[in-house]
Amino acid sequence: MMNLTRPPEQARLDATLVRLQIALPVGIAIAVAVYAGIFEILLVENVPRWTHFILEFLIFGLFGAVAVWVALGWVRRLVDENIERDRQARAQERLLATITANSADAILLLDNEGCVKSWNRGAELLFGYQPSEIVGKHFAVLVPADRTAEIERIHTLLHEKGFVRDWITQRLTRDGRKLTVELTRTLLRDENGAVIGSSSTLHDVTAREKSAMEVRELNRQLETLVAQRTRELAESNRELRRRQYELEKANAELKQLDELKSEFVSLVSHELRAPLANISGSLELLLSDASSLTTNQRDLLSLANDQAARLTRLVRGILNVSRIEAGQTLLQMQAFDLTALIERLCEQWQLCDNEHIWIADTPGNLPSVWADRDRIEEVLTNLMENAYKYSDPDTEIRVRSETRDGEMVIAVSDQGKGIESEDLHLIFDKFYRVERDDARKTYGYGLGLYISIKLVEAMGGRLWAESEIGKGSTFYFSLPLAGHSAAAHPQAMAFN
C-alpha cells in the first residue's frame, strides 16, 4: 500500500523554524529580565553610567546580533540541506517517472472510481490505445465480458490487503484481441492515509501461458499415451507369459518325444544290426558261388547286397547321431601324422574309383595333429565320399593340408556342379540333402556332414564349406596341432 505524505526532511525543517520563532523572543525576554533584575535593582547605586552603556551594548547589541547570526546560519544550513534533498527527490521522481513512462509493462494510475489517470508507453504498446483515447475512461473497457465478475473480487482483495499480486487474467486490446496478463495492483493513500486511487501493472504473459497450455496438453497426451502403452504392455506381457507357458509345455513335449525318438531309434538300430549283418553275410556267401547263378540272379543278389550295405551304413549313422546327441561318444585323443592318413585314403579311393583323379596335396614335414585318429578318418571318408558322389567323371578330387596359426587346415575339393548359396548354410543340418537334377542317383541320408561337423567341433576344430556353381565345392576343417593342445585335451573324453 502506497502512502503519499510529506518528506521527513520537510517536516524537520518546519519544526526547527517553529522552535526558532519561539526561542528568539524568549531569549530576548530572558536577556532583558536578567539585565533589569541584576543591574537595575542590585547595582544601580554603585555602577557608573558608562558601565550601564557597556552592559547594555553587550547584552542587547552584541549578544542579540550573535544569537540572530547563529540562528540564521543554522536556518540557512537547514534550508540548503532541504533544497539539496528536494533536488535529489525531484531527480528521483523524474527517474521513476521516466522508468514508468518507458516501461515495457503497462502501468496505469486509477482514481477511486476506477478511471484511468495515467497511461504509460508500455500500456500504449500493449493495448493499442493512445493516452488521449483512454485517460478519463473506466478501466472496464479493457476487461472482456467473461471477466467482469472478477472486478469486484479484485476490488475487495485490494482494500483488504492493500495490494493484489500475480493475478493471471485476460484483457482486451483496442482491436478486440484477448491478451493473457499478470496483474499487480497497489492501493495509493495520501499523507493523511486517505485512499486516493491505485496503481495497476500488467505484464503480457500470453506467449508464456500459451506455451504452458501446450506443455499441459502435451503432458496430458503423454500421460494418455503412457497409460495406453502400459495397458498394451500389460496385455503383451500376459500374452507373452501365455505363449512362454505354451512354448515351455511344447518344448517339454518335444523333449519327451525326442527322448522317445532317440530311445526308439537306438532300439531299432540295435535290433536291425544283427539281421542286416546276417543278410549281408548270406548275400555275400551266395555271390561268392556265382558259377551256379544266372546273370539275372547275380544282378539281383548284387543289388540286394548293395541295399543291405546302405541300410547298414544308415543304421551306423543313426547310432552315431544318437550317441552324439546323448553325449555318449568317446574320443581317444592322440598325436598322429595326418599327412600319412590323407595319402593312404587317396590311394584307397584311387584303387576302387577309375572315374576320378585322386590327388593328395600334402607338403612334407607337417607337424602332428591332436585328435581322435579313427574319428578323423571317418570325417575324411565322409567328405571324400561326398566329393565322389557329386563330381562328374574324369575330374579331379584334391585333398590338401597346411598349417595356419597353430592349427592344421584340411581341404577336400571337387570339380562338380557346386552348391547354391541358399543351401550352403543348411548342408550341415541333420538329414538335409541338396536337391539334384539327376534324381536317379542316390546320395545318402544327410547324416555324414552333420556327424562330421559335430566330431570336428568336439576335437577343438571347425568345419565349413565354400562353393561356386559350375566350378565345384571345397570342404574345409581345422584341427589343433599336437604341441598347441596336448596339455589342454585329455587322451580320452566324451562330448555333448
Protein backbone atom coordinates (compact mmCIF):
# COMPACT_ATOMS: atom_id res chain seq x y z
CA MET A 1 0.00 0.00 0.00
CA MET A 2 1.47 3.38 -1.01
CA ASN A 3 1.22 6.43 1.41
CA LEU A 4 1.63 9.90 -0.16
CA THR A 5 2.96 12.04 2.84
CA ARG A 6 5.38 15.00 3.18
CA PRO A 7 9.09 14.05 3.27
CA PRO A 8 10.59 13.76 6.78
CA GLU A 9 13.22 16.44 5.91
CA GLN A 10 10.49 18.99 5.20
CA ALA A 11 8.75 18.17 8.47
CA ARG A 12 12.02 18.57 10.38
CA LEU A 13 12.66 21.98 8.80
CA ASP A 14 9.18 23.13 9.68
CA ALA A 15 9.66 22.03 13.29
CA THR A 16 13.00 23.86 13.52
CA LEU A 17 11.52 27.10 12.23
CA VAL A 18 8.70 26.86 14.74
CA ARG A 19 11.22 26.38 17.54
CA LEU A 20 13.20 29.41 16.36
CA GLN A 21 10.06 31.51 16.24
CA ILE A 22 9.59 30.71 19.92
CA ALA A 23 13.23 30.65 21.03
CA LEU A 24 14.32 34.10 19.78
CA PRO A 25 11.63 36.16 21.53
CA VAL A 26 12.03 34.09 24.67
CA GLY A 27 15.79 34.57 24.62
CA ILE A 28 15.47 38.32 24.23
CA ALA A 29 12.90 38.46 27.01
CA ILE A 30 15.18 36.49 29.29
CA ALA A 31 18.09 38.81 28.49
CA VAL A 32 16.01 41.88 29.33
CA ALA A 33 14.84 40.28 32.54
CA VAL A 34 18.41 39.42 33.55
CA TYR A 35 19.59 42.90 32.82
CA ALA A 36 16.74 44.56 34.66
CA GLY A 37 16.95 42.26 37.63
CA ILE A 38 20.69 42.27 38.16
CA PHE A 39 21.88 45.63 37.10
CA GLU A 40 18.91 47.86 37.69
CA ILE A 41 18.00 46.50 41.12
CA LEU A 42 21.28 45.31 42.64
CA LEU A 43 23.92 47.55 41.11
CA VAL A 44 22.10 50.79 40.30
CA GLU A 45 23.72 52.77 43.17
CA ASN A 46 27.28 51.61 42.71
CA VAL A 47 27.68 51.24 38.88
CA PRO A 48 28.74 54.26 36.84
CA ARG A 49 26.70 55.49 33.90
CA TRP A 50 29.20 54.40 31.28
CA THR A 51 29.17 50.86 32.72
CA HIS A 52 25.43 50.77 32.12
CA PHE A 53 26.06 51.63 28.50
CA ILE A 54 28.69 48.91 28.04
CA LEU A 55 26.49 46.29 29.66
CA GLU A 56 23.50 47.28 27.54
CA PHE A 57 25.65 47.12 24.42
CA LEU A 58 26.99 43.67 25.29
CA ILE A 59 23.64 42.24 26.30
CA PHE A 60 21.33 43.85 23.77
CA GLY A 61 23.65 44.65 20.92
CA LEU A 62 26.39 42.05 20.67
CA PHE A 63 24.59 39.14 22.30
CA GLY A 64 21.45 39.68 20.27
CA ALA A 65 23.35 40.02 17.00
CA VAL A 66 25.36 36.87 17.67
CA ALA A 67 22.23 34.97 18.60
CA VAL A 68 20.47 36.12 15.46
CA TRP A 69 23.57 35.34 13.35
CA VAL A 70 23.86 31.82 14.78
CA ALA A 71 20.16 31.19 14.36
CA LEU A 72 20.13 32.44 10.78
CA GLY A 73 23.22 30.31 9.93
CA TRP A 74 21.55 27.28 11.38
CA VAL A 75 18.41 28.02 9.40
CA ARG A 76 20.46 28.56 6.23
CA ARG A 77 22.15 25.17 6.61
CA LEU A 78 18.83 23.51 7.15
CA VAL A 79 17.38 25.26 4.11
CA ASP A 80 20.39 24.28 1.94
CA GLU A 81 20.13 20.68 3.07
CA ASN A 82 16.43 20.72 2.39
CA ILE A 83 16.95 22.23 -1.07
CA GLU A 84 19.53 19.53 -1.93
CA ARG A 85 17.29 16.78 -0.67
CA ASP A 86 14.41 18.28 -2.59
CA ARG A 87 16.55 18.39 -5.73
CA GLN A 88 17.53 14.74 -5.29
CA ALA A 89 13.94 13.79 -4.62
CA ARG A 90 12.78 15.56 -7.77
CA ALA A 91 15.54 13.83 -9.76
CA GLN A 92 14.47 10.51 -8.30
CA GLU A 93 10.87 11.29 -9.15
CA ARG A 94 11.85 12.19 -12.71
CA LEU A 95 13.83 8.95 -12.98
CA LEU A 96 10.92 6.92 -11.67
CA ALA A 97 8.58 8.77 -13.98
CA THR A 98 10.88 8.04 -16.93
CA ILE A 99 11.11 4.37 -15.97
CA THR A 100 7.37 4.18 -15.55
CA ALA A 101 6.69 6.00 -18.80
CA ASN A 102 9.07 3.82 -20.81
CA SER A 103 8.48 0.50 -19.06
CA ALA A 104 7.69 -2.46 -21.32
CA ASP A 105 4.92 -3.36 -18.90
CA ALA A 106 1.66 -1.45 -18.89
CA ILE A 107 1.46 0.85 -15.82
CA LEU A 108 -1.82 2.63 -15.07
CA LEU A 109 -2.89 5.03 -12.33
CA LEU A 110 -6.57 4.77 -11.43
CA ASP A 111 -8.71 7.04 -9.27
CA ASN A 112 -11.16 5.79 -6.68
CA GLU A 113 -13.83 5.33 -9.34
CA GLY A 114 -11.53 3.17 -11.47
CA CYS A 115 -10.98 5.79 -14.17
CA VAL A 116 -7.58 5.97 -15.86
CA LYS A 117 -5.50 8.96 -14.73
CA SER A 118 -2.12 7.92 -16.20
CA TRP A 119 -1.27 5.71 -19.19
CA ASN A 120 2.39 4.87 -19.93
CA ARG A 121 4.14 3.90 -23.16
CA GLY A 122 4.05 0.19 -22.26
CA ALA A 123 0.25 0.36 -21.92
CA GLU A 124 0.02 2.14 -25.25
CA LEU A 125 2.06 -0.57 -26.99
CA LEU A 126 0.28 -3.42 -25.22
CA PHE A 127 -3.33 -2.33 -25.70
CA GLY A 128 -3.09 -0.01 -28.71
CA TYR A 129 -4.83 2.99 -27.07
CA GLN A 130 -3.28 6.46 -27.19
CA PRO A 131 -3.38 8.29 -23.83
CA SER A 132 -5.94 10.73 -25.24
CA GLU A 133 -8.24 7.80 -26.05
CA ILE A 134 -8.17 6.13 -22.65
CA VAL A 135 -7.35 8.69 -19.93
CA GLY A 136 -10.55 9.57 -18.07
CA LYS A 137 -12.33 6.36 -19.09
CA HIS A 138 -13.11 3.47 -16.75
CA PHE A 139 -10.62 0.63 -16.94
CA ALA A 140 -13.53 -1.80 -17.54
CA VAL A 141 -13.16 -1.06 -21.28
CA LEU A 142 -10.10 -3.33 -21.06
CA VAL A 143 -11.96 -6.19 -19.35
CA PRO A 144 -13.55 -8.95 -21.50
CA ALA A 145 -17.22 -9.67 -20.88
CA ASP A 146 -16.43 -13.10 -19.40
CA ARG A 147 -14.05 -11.49 -16.86
CA THR A 148 -16.23 -8.69 -15.45
CA ALA A 149 -17.15 -10.79 -12.41
CA GLU A 150 -13.57 -10.64 -11.16
CA ILE A 151 -13.58 -6.80 -10.94
CA GLU A 152 -15.40 -6.85 -7.61
CA ARG A 153 -13.21 -9.66 -6.28
CA ILE A 154 -10.04 -7.75 -7.09
CA HIS A 155 -11.53 -4.57 -5.56
CA THR A 156 -12.34 -6.42 -2.32
CA LEU A 157 -8.88 -8.01 -2.05
CA LEU A 158 -7.22 -4.68 -2.84
CA HIS A 159 -8.93 -2.90 0.05
CA GLU A 160 -8.42 -5.83 2.44
CA LYS A 161 -4.69 -6.36 1.83
CA GLY A 162 -3.65 -3.13 0.16
CA PHE A 163 -2.38 -4.98 -2.92
CA VAL A 164 -3.16 -7.77 -5.39
CA ARG A 165 -0.15 -9.59 -6.81
CA ASP A 166 0.45 -12.10 -9.68
CA TRP A 167 -3.22 -12.30 -10.71
CA ILE A 168 -3.47 -14.12 -14.03
CA THR A 169 -6.36 -12.74 -16.09
CA GLN A 170 -7.28 -11.53 -19.57
CA ARG A 171 -7.60 -8.05 -21.03
CA LEU A 172 -8.87 -6.64 -24.34
CA THR A 173 -6.78 -4.67 -26.83
CA ARG A 174 -8.10 -1.82 -28.97
CA ASP A 175 -8.60 -4.21 -31.92
CA GLY A 176 -10.51 -6.75 -29.81
CA ARG A 177 -7.74 -9.29 -29.20
CA LYS A 178 -7.58 -11.06 -25.86
CA LEU A 179 -4.27 -10.95 -24.01
CA THR A 180 -3.32 -13.04 -21.02
CA VAL A 181 -1.70 -10.73 -18.46
CA GLU A 182 -0.21 -10.91 -14.99
CA LEU A 183 -1.83 -8.16 -12.90
CA THR A 184 -0.41 -6.37 -9.86
CA ARG A 185 -2.47 -3.60 -8.20
CA THR A 186 -1.43 -1.42 -5.26
CA LEU A 187 -3.63 0.89 -3.20
CA LEU A 188 -2.49 4.57 -3.05
CA ARG A 189 -3.02 6.82 0.01
CA ASP A 190 -2.23 10.47 0.73
CA GLU A 191 -0.32 11.85 3.74
CA ASN A 192 -3.44 11.57 5.84
CA GLY A 193 -3.98 7.90 4.97
CA ALA A 194 -6.98 8.54 2.76
CA VAL A 195 -7.29 6.31 -0.33
CA ILE A 196 -6.73 8.37 -3.48
CA GLY A 197 -6.63 5.56 -6.06
CA SER A 198 -4.49 2.63 -7.14
CA SER A 199 -1.66 1.72 -9.47
CA SER A 200 -2.01 -1.20 -11.86
CA THR A 201 0.87 -3.03 -13.56
CA LEU A 202 0.09 -5.53 -16.32
CA HIS A 203 2.70 -7.88 -17.81
CA ASP A 204 1.88 -9.72 -21.04
CA VAL A 205 2.21 -13.48 -20.45
CA THR A 206 0.19 -14.62 -23.47
CA ALA A 207 3.12 -16.48 -25.05
CA ARG A 208 4.12 -17.97 -21.69
CA GLU A 209 0.59 -19.13 -20.92
CA LYS A 210 0.21 -20.50 -24.45
CA SER A 211 3.44 -22.45 -24.04
CA ALA A 212 2.32 -23.64 -20.61
CA MET A 213 -1.02 -24.71 -22.07
CA GLU A 214 0.77 -26.55 -24.87
CA VAL A 215 3.02 -28.23 -22.30
CA ARG A 216 -0.01 -29.22 -20.23
CA GLU A 217 -1.69 -30.61 -23.34
CA LEU A 218 1.46 -32.50 -24.29
CA ASN A 219 1.69 -33.85 -20.74
CA ARG A 220 -1.94 -34.92 -20.92
CA GLN A 221 -1.33 -36.63 -24.26
CA LEU A 222 1.84 -38.20 -22.87
CA GLU A 223 0.00 -39.49 -19.82
CA THR A 224 -2.73 -40.88 -22.06
CA LEU A 225 -0.14 -42.48 -24.32
CA VAL A 226 1.81 -43.90 -21.37
CA ALA A 227 -1.39 -45.30 -19.89
CA GLN A 228 -2.30 -46.82 -23.25
CA ARG A 229 1.19 -48.25 -23.72
CA THR A 230 1.13 -49.56 -20.16
CA ARG A 231 -2.13 -51.36 -20.86
CA GLU A 232 -0.71 -52.69 -24.12
CA LEU A 233 2.48 -53.80 -22.37
CA ALA A 234 0.48 -55.48 -19.64
CA GLU A 235 -1.59 -57.25 -22.27
CA SER A 236 1.58 -58.12 -24.21
CA ASN A 237 3.18 -59.46 -21.03
CA ARG A 238 0.14 -61.59 -20.34
CA GLU A 239 0.21 -62.85 -23.92
CA LEU A 240 3.97 -63.39 -23.68
CA ARG A 241 3.61 -65.35 -20.46
CA ARG A 242 0.84 -67.41 -22.04
CA ARG A 243 2.96 -68.13 -25.10
CA GLN A 244 6.00 -68.80 -22.94
CA TYR A 245 3.96 -71.32 -20.98
CA GLU A 246 2.78 -72.89 -24.23
CA LEU A 247 6.35 -72.94 -25.57
CA GLU A 248 7.67 -74.48 -22.37
CA LYS A 249 4.90 -77.03 -22.49
CA ALA A 250 5.55 -77.74 -26.18
CA ASN A 251 9.30 -77.85 -25.51
CA ALA A 252 8.78 -80.34 -22.72
CA GLU A 253 6.59 -82.43 -25.01
CA LEU A 254 9.15 -82.18 -27.81
CA LYS A 255 11.93 -83.09 -25.42
CA GLN A 256 9.94 -86.07 -24.27
CA LEU A 257 9.21 -87.04 -27.88
CA ASP A 258 12.87 -86.56 -28.77
CA GLU A 259 13.89 -88.82 -25.91
CA LEU A 260 11.33 -91.38 -27.04
CA LYS A 261 12.58 -90.99 -30.60
CA SER A 262 16.19 -91.45 -29.53
CA GLU A 263 15.28 -94.50 -27.48
CA PHE A 264 13.24 -95.88 -30.38
CA VAL A 265 15.97 -95.16 -32.94
CA SER A 266 18.61 -96.68 -30.72
CA LEU A 267 16.45 -99.72 -30.05
CA VAL A 268 15.53 -100.21 -33.69
CA SER A 269 19.11 -99.62 -34.84
CA HIS A 270 20.46 -102.16 -32.42
CA GLU A 271 17.73 -104.60 -33.38
CA LEU A 272 18.47 -104.07 -37.10
CA ARG A 273 22.21 -104.50 -36.90
CA ALA A 274 22.16 -108.25 -36.33
CA PRO A 275 19.58 -109.06 -39.05
CA LEU A 276 21.37 -106.78 -41.52
CA ALA A 277 24.70 -108.43 -40.73
CA ASN A 278 23.12 -111.83 -41.32
CA ILE A 279 21.52 -110.69 -44.57
CA SER A 280 24.76 -109.15 -45.83
CA GLY A 281 26.73 -112.26 -44.88
CA SER A 282 24.23 -114.54 -46.63
CA LEU A 283 24.22 -112.40 -49.78
CA GLU A 284 28.00 -112.31 -49.92
CA LEU A 285 28.08 -116.08 -49.43
CA LEU A 286 25.67 -116.58 -52.33
CA LEU A 287 27.63 -114.17 -54.53
CA SER A 288 30.85 -116.00 -53.74
CA ASP A 289 29.47 -119.06 -55.55
CA ALA A 290 28.50 -117.20 -58.72
CA SER A 291 29.04 -120.21 -61.02
CA SER A 292 25.68 -121.70 -60.09
CA LEU A 293 23.81 -118.43 -60.66
CA THR A 294 22.42 -116.93 -63.78
CA THR A 295 23.35 -113.38 -64.78
CA ASN A 296 19.96 -112.07 -63.69
CA GLN A 297 20.27 -113.81 -60.33
CA ARG A 298 23.73 -112.35 -59.79
CA ASP A 299 22.47 -108.85 -60.59
CA LEU A 300 19.57 -109.20 -58.20
CA LEU A 301 21.81 -110.51 -55.43
CA SER A 302 24.32 -107.68 -56.03
CA LEU A 303 21.53 -105.11 -55.84
CA ALA A 304 20.24 -106.68 -52.62
CA ASN A 305 23.75 -106.70 -51.18
CA ASP A 306 24.24 -103.01 -52.06
CA GLN A 307 20.94 -102.07 -50.42
CA ALA A 308 21.83 -104.10 -47.33
CA ALA A 309 25.15 -102.25 -47.17
CA ARG A 310 23.30 -98.89 -47.46
CA LEU A 311 20.96 -99.89 -44.66
CA THR A 312 23.94 -100.93 -42.56
CA ARG A 313 25.56 -97.53 -43.11
CA LEU A 314 22.26 -95.81 -42.27
CA VAL A 315 21.94 -97.76 -39.03
CA ARG A 316 25.55 -96.95 -38.16
CA GLY A 317 24.95 -93.26 -38.90
CA ILE A 318 21.78 -93.16 -36.79
CA LEU A 319 23.61 -94.80 -33.92
CA ASN A 320 26.41 -92.23 -34.21
CA VAL A 321 23.89 -89.37 -34.19
CA SER A 322 22.17 -90.82 -31.15
CA ARG A 323 25.47 -91.14 -29.30
CA ILE A 324 26.49 -87.59 -30.26
CA GLU A 325 23.19 -86.09 -29.11
CA ALA A 326 23.27 -88.13 -25.91
CA GLY A 327 26.89 -87.14 -25.20
CA GLN A 328 27.99 -90.76 -25.26
CA THR A 329 30.69 -90.57 -27.95
CA LEU A 330 34.12 -91.26 -26.50
CA LEU A 331 37.08 -89.61 -28.20
CA GLN A 332 40.54 -91.15 -27.99
CA MET A 333 42.72 -88.06 -28.36
CA GLN A 334 46.30 -88.60 -29.50
CA ALA A 335 49.04 -87.04 -31.62
CA PHE A 336 49.32 -88.60 -35.07
CA ASP A 337 50.55 -87.88 -38.60
CA LEU A 338 47.53 -86.66 -40.57
CA THR A 339 49.56 -86.47 -43.81
CA ALA A 340 50.04 -90.24 -43.90
CA LEU A 341 46.31 -90.78 -43.31
CA ILE A 342 45.37 -88.47 -46.20
CA GLU A 343 47.80 -90.17 -48.59
CA ARG A 344 46.56 -93.65 -47.62
CA LEU A 345 42.88 -92.72 -48.11
CA CYS A 346 43.57 -91.14 -51.51
CA GLU A 347 45.39 -94.28 -52.64
CA GLN A 348 42.47 -96.47 -51.49
CA TRP A 349 39.92 -94.33 -53.33
CA GLN A 350 42.02 -94.30 -56.48
CA LEU A 351 42.23 -98.11 -56.45
CA CYS A 352 38.45 -98.55 -56.34
CA ASP A 353 37.47 -95.48 -58.40
CA ASN A 354 38.53 -95.35 -62.03
CA GLU A 355 36.29 -92.38 -62.91
CA HIS A 356 38.12 -89.64 -60.94
CA ILE A 357 41.67 -88.49 -60.36
CA TRP A 358 42.51 -88.51 -56.64
CA ILE A 359 45.33 -86.17 -55.58
CA ALA A 360 46.88 -85.91 -52.10
CA ASP A 361 48.42 -82.41 -51.94
CA THR A 362 50.30 -82.63 -48.63
CA PRO A 363 53.67 -80.88 -48.05
CA GLY A 364 56.32 -82.85 -46.24
CA ASN A 365 57.39 -82.34 -42.63
CA LEU A 366 53.98 -81.16 -41.42
CA PRO A 367 53.54 -81.40 -37.63
CA SER A 368 51.23 -83.91 -35.99
CA VAL A 369 47.68 -83.04 -35.01
CA TRP A 370 45.89 -83.67 -31.70
CA ALA A 371 42.68 -85.59 -32.41
CA ASP A 372 40.95 -88.98 -32.47
CA ARG A 373 42.55 -90.80 -35.42
CA ASP A 374 39.60 -93.10 -36.15
CA ARG A 375 37.08 -90.24 -35.98
CA ILE A 376 39.19 -88.07 -38.29
CA GLU A 377 39.35 -90.96 -40.75
CA GLU A 378 35.55 -91.12 -40.54
CA VAL A 379 35.32 -87.35 -41.23
CA LEU A 380 37.72 -87.57 -44.19
CA THR A 381 35.83 -90.58 -45.57
CA ASN A 382 32.52 -88.67 -45.38
CA LEU A 383 33.97 -85.63 -47.16
CA MET A 384 35.74 -87.71 -49.83
CA GLU A 385 32.58 -89.78 -50.36
CA ASN A 386 30.60 -86.56 -50.91
CA ALA A 387 33.19 -85.38 -53.44
CA TYR A 388 32.96 -88.73 -55.23
CA LYS A 389 29.14 -88.63 -55.35
CA TYR A 390 28.80 -85.07 -56.62
CA SER A 391 31.69 -84.99 -59.15
CA ASP A 392 31.46 -85.69 -62.84
CA PRO A 393 33.67 -88.44 -64.35
CA ASP A 394 37.21 -87.57 -65.44
CA THR A 395 37.54 -84.73 -62.91
CA GLU A 396 39.99 -84.19 -60.08
CA ILE A 397 39.30 -84.65 -56.39
CA ARG A 398 42.07 -82.98 -54.39
CA VAL A 399 42.82 -83.28 -50.66
CA ARG A 400 45.15 -80.53 -49.34
CA SER A 401 46.64 -79.80 -45.93
CA GLU A 402 48.59 -76.86 -44.49
CA THR A 403 49.30 -75.22 -41.13
CA ARG A 404 47.82 -71.85 -40.10
CA ASP A 405 48.19 -70.11 -36.72
CA GLY A 406 48.72 -73.17 -34.55
CA GLU A 407 46.27 -75.45 -36.36
CA MET A 408 46.15 -77.62 -39.45
CA VAL A 409 43.58 -76.94 -42.15
CA ILE A 410 42.47 -79.77 -44.45
CA ALA A 411 40.54 -79.09 -47.67
CA VAL A 412 38.66 -81.61 -49.86
CA SER A 413 37.90 -80.08 -53.28
CA ASP A 414 35.86 -81.39 -56.20
CA GLN A 415 35.01 -80.08 -59.68
CA GLY A 416 31.31 -80.86 -59.51
CA LYS A 417 28.27 -78.67 -60.15
CA GLY A 418 28.59 -76.71 -56.90
CA ILE A 419 26.07 -75.83 -54.20
CA GLU A 420 23.63 -72.92 -54.25
CA SER A 421 24.38 -70.19 -51.71
CA GLU A 422 21.00 -70.63 -50.02
CA ASP A 423 21.82 -74.32 -49.44
CA LEU A 424 25.38 -73.76 -48.22
CA HIS A 425 24.47 -72.95 -44.61
CA LEU A 426 21.98 -75.85 -44.42
CA ILE A 427 24.12 -78.74 -45.61
CA PHE A 428 25.42 -79.44 -42.09
CA ASP A 429 21.91 -79.90 -40.70
CA LYS A 430 20.74 -83.36 -39.79
CA PHE A 431 19.01 -85.26 -42.68
CA TYR A 432 19.44 -82.29 -45.06
CA ARG A 433 20.20 -83.20 -48.67
CA VAL A 434 20.81 -80.83 -51.57
CA GLU A 435 18.28 -81.26 -54.38
CA ARG A 436 19.86 -82.54 -57.61
CA ASP A 437 18.65 -82.76 -61.19
CA ASP A 438 19.93 -86.33 -61.58
CA ALA A 439 17.20 -87.84 -59.41
CA ARG A 440 18.11 -91.36 -60.42
CA LYS A 441 21.31 -91.25 -58.36
CA THR A 442 21.13 -91.87 -54.65
CA TYR A 443 23.24 -89.54 -52.49
CA GLY A 444 22.70 -90.84 -48.96
CA TYR A 445 20.59 -89.84 -45.99
CA GLY A 446 22.04 -86.45 -45.00
CA LEU A 447 23.86 -87.63 -41.87
CA GLY A 448 27.52 -87.60 -42.92
CA LEU A 449 28.14 -83.84 -42.76
CA TYR A 450 26.14 -83.47 -39.55
CA ILE A 451 28.21 -86.19 -37.87
CA SER A 452 31.44 -84.76 -39.30
CA ILE A 453 30.93 -81.20 -38.02
CA LYS A 454 29.97 -82.46 -34.56
CA LEU A 455 33.09 -84.64 -34.38
CA VAL A 456 35.43 -81.87 -35.60
CA GLU A 457 33.98 -79.31 -33.18
CA ALA A 458 34.31 -81.81 -30.31
CA MET A 459 38.03 -82.06 -31.09
CA GLY A 460 38.51 -78.28 -30.98
CA GLY A 461 38.29 -77.62 -34.71
CA ARG A 462 35.93 -76.08 -37.26
CA LEU A 463 34.25 -77.34 -40.43
CA TRP A 464 32.92 -75.13 -43.23
CA ALA A 465 32.32 -75.14 -46.97
CA GLU A 466 32.81 -72.89 -49.98
CA SER A 467 31.21 -73.46 -53.35
CA GLU A 468 30.79 -71.88 -56.77
CA ILE A 469 28.12 -73.04 -59.19
CA GLY A 470 29.66 -74.76 -62.21
CA LYS A 471 33.14 -74.96 -60.66
CA GLY A 472 32.73 -77.23 -57.66
CA SER A 473 32.91 -77.19 -53.87
CA THR A 474 35.58 -77.26 -51.18
CA PHE A 475 35.01 -78.53 -47.66
CA TYR A 476 37.49 -77.32 -45.01
CA PHE A 477 38.10 -78.47 -41.48
CA SER A 478 40.73 -77.48 -38.95
CA LEU A 479 42.41 -79.38 -36.13
CA PRO A 480 44.73 -78.19 -33.34
CA LEU A 481 48.39 -79.09 -33.63
CA ALA A 482 49.72 -81.53 -31.07
CA GLY A 483 52.17 -79.11 -29.49
CA HIS A 484 49.49 -76.44 -29.05
CA SER A 485 46.74 -78.52 -27.47
CA ALA A 486 48.04 -81.73 -25.87
CA ALA A 487 48.03 -80.20 -22.41
CA ALA A 488 44.51 -78.91 -22.84
CA HIS A 489 42.97 -82.16 -24.07
CA PRO A 490 42.90 -85.45 -22.15
CA GLN A 491 43.61 -88.62 -24.03
CA ALA A 492 40.04 -89.86 -23.66
CA MET A 493 36.99 -87.63 -23.46
CA ALA A 494 33.24 -87.69 -24.08
CA PHE A 495 31.44 -84.76 -25.68
CA ASN A 496 27.86 -83.48 -25.88
